[in-house]
Amino acid sequence: MAKNEKTSKKVASIASRGLRKPSSLTNTEIKKIAGSVLTQAPDRKRRR
């Protein structure tokens, strides 16, 4: 993960709304949140 990767204000706002009222999110918004989280996840170590 690069040190400068941050969640955009728009995605953070969508996530906040989703925590308050999950049923208010569209599939597109859920995908944006998931993409942001996966981008910021630490790299996994390779298994041998």
PDB file of N, CA and C in Angstrom:
ATOM      1  N   MET A   1       0.840  -1.168   0.000  1.00  0.00           N
ATOM      2  CA  MET A   1       0.000   0.000   0.000  1.00  0.00           C
ATOM      3  C   MET A   1       0.888   1.235   0.000  1.00  0.00           C
ATOM      4  N   ALA A   2       0.579   2.166  -0.865  1.00  0.00           N
ATOM      5  CA  ALA A   2       1.324   3.409  -0.891  1.00  0.00           C
ATOM      6  C   ALA A   2       0.956   4.240   0.329  1.00  0.00           C
ATOM      7  N   LYS A   3       1.892   5.050   0.781  1.00  0.00           N
ATOM      8  CA  LYS A   3       1.653   5.841   1.989  1.00  0.00           C
ATOM      9  C   LYS A   3       0.604   6.933   1.778  1.00  0.00           C
ATOM     10  N   ASN A   4       0.392   7.354   0.539  1.00  0.00           N
ATOM     11  CA  ASN A   4      -0.493   8.485   0.293  1.00  0.00           C
ATOM     12  C   ASN A   4      -1.921   8.087  -0.083  1.00  0.00           C
ATOM     13  N   GLU A   5      -2.288   6.840   0.057  1.00  0.00           N
ATOM     14  CA  GLU A   5      -3.640   6.411  -0.313  1.00  0.00           C
ATOM     15  C   GLU A   5      -4.618   6.745   0.798  1.00  0.00           C
ATOM     16  N   LYS A   6      -5.634   7.533   0.434  1.00  0.00           N
ATOM     17  CA  LYS A   6      -6.656   7.931   1.390  1.00  0.00           C
ATOM     18  C   LYS A   6      -8.018   7.767   0.749  1.00  0.00           C
ATOM     19  N   THR A   7      -9.019   7.591   1.585  1.00  0.00           N
ATOM     20  CA  THR A   7     -10.393   7.531   1.101  1.00  0.00           C
ATOM     21  C   THR A   7     -10.835   8.944   0.751  1.00  0.00           C
ATOM     22  N   SER A   8     -11.468   9.103  -0.398  1.00  0.00           N
ATOM     23  CA  SER A   8     -11.952  10.429  -0.789  1.00  0.00           C
ATOM     24  C   SER A   8     -13.090  10.860   0.128  1.00  0.00           C
ATOM     25  N   LYS A   9     -13.321  12.174   0.183  1.00  0.00           N
ATOM     26  CA  LYS A   9     -14.409  12.682   1.026  1.00  0.00           C
ATOM     27  C   LYS A   9     -15.748  12.135   0.564  1.00  0.00           C
ATOM     28  N   LYS A  10     -15.901  11.963  -0.748  1.00  0.00           N
ATOM     29  CA  LYS A  10     -17.166  11.465  -1.293  1.00  0.00           C
ATOM     30  C   LYS A  10     -17.426  10.029  -0.825  1.00  0.00           C
ATOM     31  N   VAL A  11     -16.404   9.169  -0.910  1.00  0.00           N
ATOM     32  CA  VAL A  11     -16.567   7.770  -0.486  1.00  0.00           C
ATOM     33  C   VAL A  11     -16.761   7.698   1.025  1.00  0.00           C
ATOM     34  N   ALA A  12     -16.056   8.540   1.779  1.00  0.00           N
ATOM     35  CA  ALA A  12     -16.215   8.562   3.231  1.00  0.00           C
ATOM     36  C   ALA A  12     -17.637   8.970   3.610  1.00  0.00           C
ATOM     37  N   SER A  13     -18.193   9.902   2.868  1.00  0.00           N
ATOM     38  CA  SER A  13     -19.563  10.336   3.119  1.00  0.00           C
ATOM     39  C   SER A  13     -20.558   9.202   2.850  1.00  0.00           C
ATOM     40  N   ILE A  14     -20.326   8.472   1.767  1.00  0.00           N
ATOM     41  CA  ILE A  14     -21.190   7.335   1.435  1.00  0.00           C
ATOM     42  C   ILE A  14     -21.105   6.276   2.536  1.00  0.00           C
ATOM     43  N   ALA A  15     -19.878   6.003   3.008  1.00  0.00           N
ATOM     44  CA  ALA A  15     -19.694   5.001   4.065  1.00  0.00           C
ATOM     45  C   ALA A  15     -20.388   5.430   5.354  1.00  0.00           C
ATOM     46  N   SER A  16     -20.288   6.709   5.681  1.00  0.00           N
ATOM     47  CA  SER A  16     -20.940   7.225   6.881  1.00  0.00           C
ATOM     48  C   SER A  16     -22.448   7.059   6.789  1.00  0.00           C
ATOM     49  N   ARG A  17     -23.003   7.378   5.639  1.00  0.00           N
ATOM     50  CA  ARG A  17     -24.448   7.226   5.437  1.00  0.00           C
ATOM     51  C   ARG A  17     -24.843   5.756   5.534  1.00  0.00           C
ATOM     52  N   GLY A  18     -23.990   4.879   5.002  1.00  0.00           N
ATOM     53  CA  GLY A  18     -24.266   3.447   5.048  1.00  0.00           C
ATOM     54  C   GLY A  18     -24.268   2.891   6.458  1.00  0.00           C
ATOM     55  N   LEU A  19     -23.424   3.457   7.322  1.00  0.00           N
ATOM     56  CA  LEU A  19     -23.412   3.010   8.714  1.00  0.00           C
ATOM     57  C   LEU A  19     -24.683   3.440   9.437  1.00  0.00           C
ATOM     58  N   ARG A  20     -25.177   4.613   9.101  1.00  0.00           N
ATOM     59  CA  ARG A  20     -26.400   5.107   9.745  1.00  0.00           C
ATOM     60  C   ARG A  20     -27.641   4.403   9.222  1.00  0.00           C
ATOM     61  N   LYS A  21     -27.687   4.196   7.897  1.00  0.00           N
ATOM     62  CA  LYS A  21     -28.870   3.566   7.292  1.00  0.00           C
ATOM     63  C   LYS A  21     -28.409   2.695   6.116  1.00  0.00           C
ATOM     64  N   PRO A  22     -28.034   1.443   6.387  1.00  0.00           N
ATOM     65  CA  PRO A  22     -27.488   0.564   5.346  1.00  0.00           C
ATOM     66  C   PRO A  22     -28.393   0.387   4.133  1.00  0.00           C
ATOM     67  N   SER A  23     -29.681   0.420   4.326  1.00  0.00           N
ATOM     68  CA  SER A  23     -30.595   0.191   3.205  1.00  0.00           C
ATOM     69  C   SER A  23     -30.620   1.359   2.218  1.00  0.00           C
ATOM     70  N   SER A  24     -29.989   2.485   2.572  1.00  0.00           N
ATOM     71  CA  SER A  24     -30.004   3.648   1.698  1.00  0.00           C
ATOM     72  C   SER A  24     -28.941   3.580   0.605  1.00  0.00           C
ATOM     73  N   LEU A  25     -28.030   2.611   0.685  1.00  0.00           N
ATOM     74  CA  LEU A  25     -26.940   2.520  -0.286  1.00  0.00           C
ATOM     75  C   LEU A  25     -27.358   1.766  -1.549  1.00  0.00           C
ATOM     76  N   THR A  26     -26.861   2.256  -2.675  1.00  0.00           N
ATOM     77  CA  THR A  26     -27.085   1.559  -3.943  1.00  0.00           C
ATOM     78  C   THR A  26     -25.941   0.571  -4.157  1.00  0.00           C
ATOM     79  N   ASN A  27     -26.100  -0.346  -5.092  1.00  0.00           N
ATOM     80  CA  ASN A  27     -25.032  -1.305  -5.392  1.00  0.00           C
ATOM     81  C   ASN A  27     -23.764  -0.592  -5.844  1.00  0.00           C
ATOM     82  N   THR A  28     -23.899   0.478  -6.614  1.00  0.00           N
ATOM     83  CA  THR A  28     -22.735   1.237  -7.082  1.00  0.00           C
ATOM     84  C   THR A  28     -21.985   1.850  -5.904  1.00  0.00           C
ATOM     85  N   GLU A  29     -22.713   2.391  -4.941  1.00  0.00           N
ATOM     86  CA  GLU A  29     -22.072   2.987  -3.761  1.00  0.00           C
ATOM     87  C   GLU A  29     -21.366   1.926  -2.931  1.00  0.00           C
ATOM     88  N   ILE A  30     -21.963   0.765  -2.799  1.00  0.00           N
ATOM     89  CA  ILE A  30     -21.339  -0.335  -2.052  1.00  0.00           C
ATOM     90  C   ILE A  30     -20.037  -0.749  -2.733  1.00  0.00           C
ATOM     91  N   LYS A  31     -20.037  -0.803  -4.052  1.00  0.00           N
ATOM     92  CA  LYS A  31     -18.828  -1.168  -4.801  1.00  0.00           C
ATOM     93  C   LYS A  31     -17.738  -0.112  -4.627  1.00  0.00           C
ATOM     94  N   LYS A  32     -18.106   1.165  -4.564  1.00  0.00           N
ATOM     95  CA  LYS A  32     -17.123   2.230  -4.349  1.00  0.00           C
ATOM     96  C   LYS A  32     -16.460   2.077  -2.988  1.00  0.00           C
ATOM     97  N   ILE A  33     -17.263   1.798  -1.974  1.00  0.00           N
ATOM     98  CA  ILE A  33     -16.725   1.617  -0.624  1.00  0.00           C
ATOM     99  C   ILE A  33     -15.803   0.400  -0.585  1.00  0.00           C
ATOM    100  N   ALA A  34     -16.254  -0.709  -1.162  1.00  0.00           N
ATOM    101  CA  ALA A  34     -15.450  -1.935  -1.170  1.00  0.00           C
ATOM    102  C   ALA A  34     -14.131  -1.712  -1.913  1.00  0.00           C
ATOM    103  N   GLY A  35     -14.182  -1.025  -3.029  1.00  0.00           N
ATOM    104  CA  GLY A  35     -12.969  -0.744  -3.798  1.00  0.00           C
ATOM    105  C   GLY A  35     -11.987   0.092  -3.009  1.00  0.00           C
ATOM    106  N   SER A  36     -12.481   1.064  -2.288  1.00  0.00           N
ATOM    107  CA  SER A  36     -11.623   1.916  -1.480  1.00  0.00           C
ATOM    108  C   SER A  36     -10.963   1.121  -0.356  1.00  0.00           C
ATOM    109  N   VAL A  37     -11.743   0.285   0.295  1.00  0.00           N
ATOM    110  CA  VAL A  37     -11.210  -0.532   1.387  1.00  0.00           C
ATOM    111  C   VAL A  37     -10.160  -1.508   0.872  1.00  0.00           C
ATOM    112  N   LEU A  38     -10.439  -2.166  -0.236  1.00  0.00           N
ATOM    113  CA  LEU A  38      -9.501  -3.148  -0.770  1.00  0.00           C
ATOM    114  C   LEU A  38      -8.212  -2.486  -1.253  1.00  0.00           C
ATOM    115  N   THR A  39      -8.303  -1.280  -1.777  1.00  0.00           N
ATOM    116  CA  THR A  39      -7.118  -0.555  -2.224  1.00  0.00           C
ATOM    117  C   THR A  39      -6.220  -0.222  -1.044  1.00  0.00           C
ATOM    118  N   GLN A  40      -6.821   0.064   0.095  1.00  0.00           N
ATOM    119  CA  GLN A  40      -6.055   0.479   1.259  1.00  0.00           C
ATOM    120  C   GLN A  40      -5.628  -0.676   2.161  1.00  0.00           C
ATOM    121  N   ALA A  41      -6.049  -1.880   1.848  1.00  0.00           N
ATOM    122  CA  ALA A  41      -5.663  -3.040   2.656  1.00  0.00           C
ATOM    123  C   ALA A  41      -4.164  -3.294   2.492  1.00  0.00           C
ATOM    124  N   PRO A  42      -3.481  -3.699   3.555  1.00  0.00           N
ATOM    125  CA  PRO A  42      -2.048  -3.985   3.430  1.00  0.00           C
ATOM    126  C   PRO A  42      -1.802  -5.171   2.502  1.00  0.00           C
ATOM    127  N   ASP A  43      -0.659  -5.157   1.838  1.00  0.00           N
ATOM    128  CA  ASP A  43      -0.306  -6.252   0.941  1.00  0.00           C
ATOM    129  C   ASP A  43      -0.115  -7.524   1.743  1.00  0.00           C
ATOM    130  N   ARG A  44      -0.580  -8.641   1.178  1.00  0.00           N
ATOM    131  CA  ARG A  44      -0.425  -9.930   1.841  1.00  0.00           C
ATOM    132  C   ARG A  44       0.948 -10.499   1.515  1.00  0.00           C
ATOM    133  N   LYS A  45       1.530 -11.190   2.493  1.00  0.00           N
ATOM    134  CA  LYS A  45       2.811 -11.856   2.250  1.00  0.00           C
ATOM    135  C   LYS A  45       2.578 -13.082   1.397  1.00  0.00           C
ATOM    136  N   ARG A  46       3.507 -13.363   0.501  1.00  0.00           N
ATOM    137  CA  ARG A  46       3.375 -14.520  -0.383  1.00  0.00           C
ATOM    138  C   ARG A  46       3.704 -15.797   0.359  1.00  0.00           C
ATOM    139  N   ARG A  47       2.923 -16.834   0.115  1.00  0.00           N
ATOM    140  CA  ARG A  47       3.201 -18.147   0.710  1.00  0.00           C
ATOM    141  C   ARG A  47       4.144 -18.901  -0.199  1.00  0.00           C
ATOM    142  N   ARG A  48       4.919 -19.733   0.392  1.00  0.00           N
ATOM    143  CA  ARG A  48       5.846 -20.550  -0.410  1.00  0.00           C
ATOM    144  C   ARG A  48       5.379 -21.951  -0.491  1.00  0.00           C
TER     145      ARG A  48
END
